[in-house]
């Protein structure tokens, strides 16, 4: 029985977040420049996005470019930005009825890249089968700092009582306020960390780590991650007995 046949489609994760790691190492292992790995990684993005849409996943969030990635060699950064322009195609979204959203510090993006992203977001905003969220120029600590600064200004201006601040209010200040927290976080590439990604949102996410480099992460690996997710008991601080009773 294949992994896909084991999936319970009544218990799919509503939101899958992925750290797409290993593009550069995939290329280096093949004697190719790191940019070749990023190019191949874009093909995997398309393939996994389309398969998530077919399965019925409602939200897919991909860690595309972190704020720390701005420190990489300038030629690699330029190549990554160019890939967004050249390979992020609107017809893929329209064909699969997928809406695009973007989170991150957009002020740092080159003008043409920002315009391209905004155009696709606008043209796909009525698509309602799945939402693909690209985290670009994003880090969770940046996001949380930005949210705290805005709430601090509201307190200073007398618009917000510090004692009235709740977890829900903090969540609503984050860039991800339009979607539920991830049920499943997948990281490829063999590393066992979450690298400043959705720290607040992943408080109760199930983690799945794959040794596959992102360009080698195929549909079968996606199915395996979902099957393992469905085998776990999500207790949210309760006992197993309490979960089973509910």
Protein backbone atom coordinates (compact mmCIF):
# COMPACT_ATOMS: atom_id res chain seq x y z
CA UNK A 1 0.00 0.00 0.00
CA UNK A 2 1.40 3.39 -0.99
CA UNK A 3 1.63 6.24 1.51
CA UNK A 4 -1.13 8.09 -0.34
CA UNK A 5 -3.51 5.16 0.15
CA UNK A 6 -2.92 5.38 3.90
CA UNK A 7 -4.05 9.02 4.13
CA UNK A 8 -7.32 9.67 5.95
CA UNK A 9 -8.78 12.48 3.86
CA UNK A 10 -11.20 13.33 6.65
CA UNK A 11 -8.28 14.33 8.90
CA UNK A 12 -5.98 16.27 6.61
CA UNK A 13 -3.84 19.00 8.16
CA UNK A 14 -5.62 22.24 7.35
CA UNK A 15 -2.35 24.17 7.23
CA UNK A 16 1.07 22.80 6.28
CA UNK A 17 4.17 24.95 6.70
CA UNK A 18 7.45 23.92 5.05
CA UNK A 19 11.07 24.94 5.52
CA UNK A 20 12.51 24.22 2.07
CA UNK A 21 16.11 23.39 2.94
CA UNK A 22 18.88 21.78 0.94
CA UNK A 23 18.82 23.45 -2.49
CA UNK A 24 22.46 24.52 -2.30
CA UNK A 25 23.70 21.22 -0.90
CA UNK A 26 21.73 19.31 -3.56
CA UNK A 27 23.53 21.30 -6.26
CA UNK A 28 26.95 20.99 -4.66
CA UNK A 29 26.56 17.21 -4.37
CA UNK A 30 26.04 17.13 -8.13
CA UNK A 31 28.93 19.47 -8.89
CA UNK A 32 26.57 22.28 -9.88
CA UNK A 33 26.43 25.92 -8.77
CA UNK A 34 24.12 26.65 -5.84
CA UNK A 35 21.80 28.61 -8.13
CA UNK A 36 21.04 25.39 -10.03
CA UNK A 37 19.70 23.96 -6.77
CA UNK A 38 17.41 26.94 -6.29
CA UNK A 39 16.13 26.56 -9.84
CA UNK A 40 15.33 22.90 -9.24
CA UNK A 41 13.76 23.85 -5.92
CA UNK A 42 11.24 26.07 -7.73
CA UNK A 43 10.07 23.04 -9.69
CA UNK A 44 9.49 21.26 -6.39
CA UNK A 45 7.48 24.24 -5.14
CA UNK A 46 5.15 23.94 -8.13
CA UNK A 47 4.81 20.18 -7.75
CA UNK A 48 4.12 20.22 -4.00
CA UNK A 49 1.75 23.20 -4.29
CA UNK A 50 -0.31 21.46 -6.94
CA UNK A 51 -0.41 18.21 -4.97
CA UNK A 52 -1.46 19.95 -1.75
CA UNK A 53 -4.27 21.61 -3.70
CA UNK A 54 -5.35 18.25 -5.12
CA UNK A 55 -5.31 16.63 -1.69
CA UNK A 56 -7.49 19.36 -0.16
CA UNK A 57 -5.00 21.18 2.08
CA UNK A 58 -6.34 24.69 2.64
CA UNK A 59 -3.13 26.60 3.49
CA UNK A 60 0.47 25.96 2.47
CA UNK A 61 3.16 28.30 3.82
CA UNK A 62 6.67 28.09 2.34
CA UNK A 63 9.78 29.61 3.93
CA UNK A 64 11.11 31.13 0.72
CA UNK A 65 13.69 33.69 1.87
CA UNK A 66 14.55 34.68 5.43
CA UNK A 67 15.74 38.05 6.68
CA UNK A 68 19.03 36.29 7.46
CA UNK A 69 19.32 35.22 3.81
CA UNK A 70 20.05 38.84 2.87
CA UNK A 71 23.54 38.11 4.26
CA UNK A 72 24.27 35.53 1.58
CA UNK A 73 26.59 36.36 -1.35
CA UNK A 74 25.04 39.12 -3.44
CA UNK A 75 25.05 37.05 -6.63
CA UNK A 76 23.05 34.29 -4.94
CA UNK A 77 20.56 36.81 -3.55
CA UNK A 78 20.15 38.37 -6.99
CA UNK A 79 19.60 34.93 -8.51
CA UNK A 80 16.94 34.12 -5.92
CA UNK A 81 15.12 37.39 -6.57
CA UNK A 82 15.29 36.75 -10.32
CA UNK A 83 13.75 33.31 -9.82
CA UNK A 84 10.70 34.95 -8.26
CA UNK A 85 10.34 37.10 -11.37
CA UNK A 86 10.98 34.32 -13.87
CA UNK A 87 9.42 31.24 -12.28
CA UNK A 88 6.54 32.45 -10.11
CA UNK A 89 3.86 32.20 -12.78
CA UNK A 90 0.28 33.36 -12.40
CA UNK A 91 -1.13 30.59 -14.59
CA UNK A 92 -0.09 27.94 -12.04
CA UNK A 93 -2.25 29.67 -9.44
CA UNK A 94 -5.19 30.17 -11.78
CA UNK A 95 -5.10 26.59 -13.07
CA UNK A 96 -5.27 25.22 -9.52
CA UNK A 97 -7.62 27.88 -8.08
CA UNK A 98 -4.93 28.91 -5.59
CA UNK A 99 -4.66 32.32 -3.96
CA UNK A 100 -1.23 33.83 -3.29
CA UNK A 101 -0.40 35.72 -0.11
CA UNK A 102 3.01 37.00 0.97
CA UNK A 103 4.34 37.64 4.48
CA UNK A 104 7.59 39.33 5.45
CA UNK A 105 9.38 42.68 5.34
CA UNK A 106 8.38 43.77 1.85
CA UNK A 107 10.28 47.06 2.20
CA UNK A 108 13.54 45.25 1.48
CA UNK A 109 12.46 43.65 -1.80
CA UNK A 110 13.56 45.07 -5.17
CA UNK A 111 10.80 47.08 -6.85
CA UNK A 112 10.21 44.69 -9.78
CA UNK A 113 9.96 41.70 -7.43
CA UNK A 114 7.51 43.48 -5.13
CA UNK A 115 5.39 44.60 -8.08
CA UNK A 116 5.32 41.08 -9.50
CA UNK A 117 4.21 39.61 -6.18
CA UNK A 118 1.56 42.27 -5.69
CA UNK A 119 0.15 41.67 -9.17
CA UNK A 120 -0.23 37.94 -8.62
CA UNK A 121 -1.73 38.47 -5.16
CA UNK A 122 -4.28 40.86 -6.65
CA UNK A 123 -5.14 38.70 -9.64
CA UNK A 124 -5.60 35.56 -7.53
CA UNK A 125 -7.39 37.08 -4.54
CA UNK A 126 -10.74 35.48 -5.44
CA UNK A 127 -9.29 31.97 -5.81
CA UNK A 128 -10.62 29.89 -2.95
CA UNK A 129 -9.46 26.28 -3.22
CA UNK A 130 -6.15 26.78 -1.40
CA UNK A 131 -3.96 29.65 -0.21
CA UNK A 132 -0.23 29.53 -0.88
CA UNK A 133 1.69 31.81 1.48
CA UNK A 134 5.27 32.73 0.62
CA UNK A 135 7.40 33.89 3.56
CA UNK A 136 9.85 36.24 1.85
CA UNK A 137 12.29 38.50 3.72
CA UNK A 138 10.67 36.94 6.78
CA UNK A 139 11.79 35.93 10.23
CA UNK A 140 9.63 35.24 13.24
CA UNK A 141 11.61 37.47 15.58
CA UNK A 142 11.25 40.35 13.11
CA UNK A 143 7.51 39.68 12.91
CA UNK A 144 7.08 39.56 16.67
CA UNK A 145 9.19 42.69 17.20
CA UNK A 146 7.13 44.54 14.61
CA UNK A 147 3.89 43.44 16.27
CA UNK A 148 5.11 44.48 19.74
CA UNK A 149 6.18 47.90 18.46
CA UNK A 150 2.74 48.52 16.99
CA UNK A 151 1.01 47.43 20.18
CA UNK A 152 3.38 49.59 22.24
CA UNK A 153 2.43 52.62 20.16
CA UNK A 154 -1.25 51.88 20.80
CA UNK A 155 -0.54 51.72 24.55
CA UNK A 156 1.44 54.98 24.41
CA UNK A 157 -1.42 56.70 22.59
CA UNK A 158 -3.94 55.46 25.12
CA UNK A 159 -5.71 53.21 22.63
CA UNK A 160 -4.79 49.96 24.38
CA UNK A 161 -4.70 48.88 28.02
CA UNK A 162 -1.63 46.68 28.63
CA UNK A 163 -3.63 44.56 31.06
CA UNK A 164 -6.17 43.84 28.32
CA UNK A 165 -3.62 42.28 25.96
CA UNK A 166 -4.43 38.62 25.24
CA UNK A 167 -2.84 35.85 23.19
CA UNK A 168 -5.57 36.33 20.61
CA UNK A 169 -4.73 40.03 20.31
CA UNK A 170 -1.06 39.19 19.74
CA UNK A 171 -2.01 36.64 17.07
CA UNK A 172 -4.15 39.25 15.36
CA UNK A 173 -1.17 41.60 15.15
CA UNK A 174 0.94 39.04 13.29
CA UNK A 175 1.22 38.86 9.53
CA UNK A 176 -0.43 35.43 9.60
CA UNK A 177 -3.64 36.66 11.23
CA UNK A 178 -5.66 35.72 8.13
CA UNK A 179 -5.07 31.97 8.53
CA UNK A 180 -4.97 29.25 11.21
CA UNK A 181 -1.73 28.17 12.84
CA UNK A 182 0.14 25.34 11.08
CA UNK A 183 -0.97 21.84 11.99
CA UNK A 184 2.13 20.31 10.42
CA UNK A 185 5.61 21.80 10.00
CA UNK A 186 7.90 19.99 7.55
CA UNK A 187 11.61 20.67 7.22
CA UNK A 188 13.69 19.08 4.48
CA UNK A 189 17.47 18.79 4.23
CA UNK A 190 18.19 16.81 7.39
CA UNK A 191 18.50 19.75 9.82
CA UNK A 192 16.60 19.53 13.12
CA UNK A 193 15.67 23.14 13.85
CA UNK A 194 13.00 25.62 12.76
CA UNK A 195 15.31 28.56 11.99
CA UNK A 196 13.29 31.53 13.19
CA UNK A 197 10.16 30.42 11.31
CA UNK A 198 6.62 30.94 12.64
CA UNK A 199 7.77 30.63 16.26
CA UNK A 200 4.52 31.88 17.78
CA UNK A 201 2.32 30.07 15.29
CA UNK A 202 4.04 26.68 15.68
CA UNK A 203 3.45 26.43 19.44
CA UNK A 204 1.36 23.28 18.93
CA UNK A 205 2.35 22.22 15.43
CA UNK A 206 3.52 18.68 14.74
CA UNK A 207 7.09 18.63 13.38
CA UNK A 208 8.31 16.33 10.61
CA UNK A 209 11.95 16.30 9.53
CA UNK A 210 13.05 14.77 6.23
CA UNK A 211 16.59 13.92 5.20
CA UNK A 212 15.67 14.63 1.58
CA UNK A 213 17.02 17.83 0.07
CA UNK A 214 14.16 20.04 -1.10
CA UNK A 215 14.65 19.32 -4.83
CA UNK A 216 14.29 15.59 -4.03
CA UNK A 217 11.17 16.02 -1.87
CA UNK A 218 8.55 14.31 -4.00
CA UNK A 219 4.83 13.74 -3.62
CA UNK A 220 5.52 10.42 -1.89
CA UNK A 221 7.49 12.21 0.85
CA UNK A 222 4.59 14.63 1.29
CA UNK A 223 2.19 11.70 1.71
CA UNK A 224 4.52 10.09 4.26
CA UNK A 225 4.62 13.29 6.30
CA UNK A 226 0.82 13.53 6.30
CA UNK A 227 0.44 9.87 7.28
CA UNK A 228 2.83 10.29 10.22
CA UNK A 229 0.99 13.47 11.26
CA UNK A 230 -2.28 11.52 11.33
CA UNK A 231 -0.75 8.85 13.56
CA UNK A 232 0.11 11.35 16.28
CA UNK A 233 -2.13 12.28 19.18
CA UNK A 234 -2.51 16.04 19.50
CA UNK A 235 -3.18 16.68 23.17
CA UNK A 236 -2.73 20.47 23.56
CA UNK A 237 -1.71 19.99 27.19
CA UNK A 238 -4.45 17.47 28.01
CA UNK A 239 -3.99 13.81 28.93
CA UNK A 240 -4.57 11.03 26.43
CA UNK A 241 -7.70 10.01 28.36
CA UNK A 242 -9.14 13.51 28.06
CA UNK A 243 -8.45 13.61 24.32
CA UNK A 244 -10.06 10.24 23.77
CA UNK A 245 -13.14 11.24 25.76
CA UNK A 246 -13.60 14.36 23.65
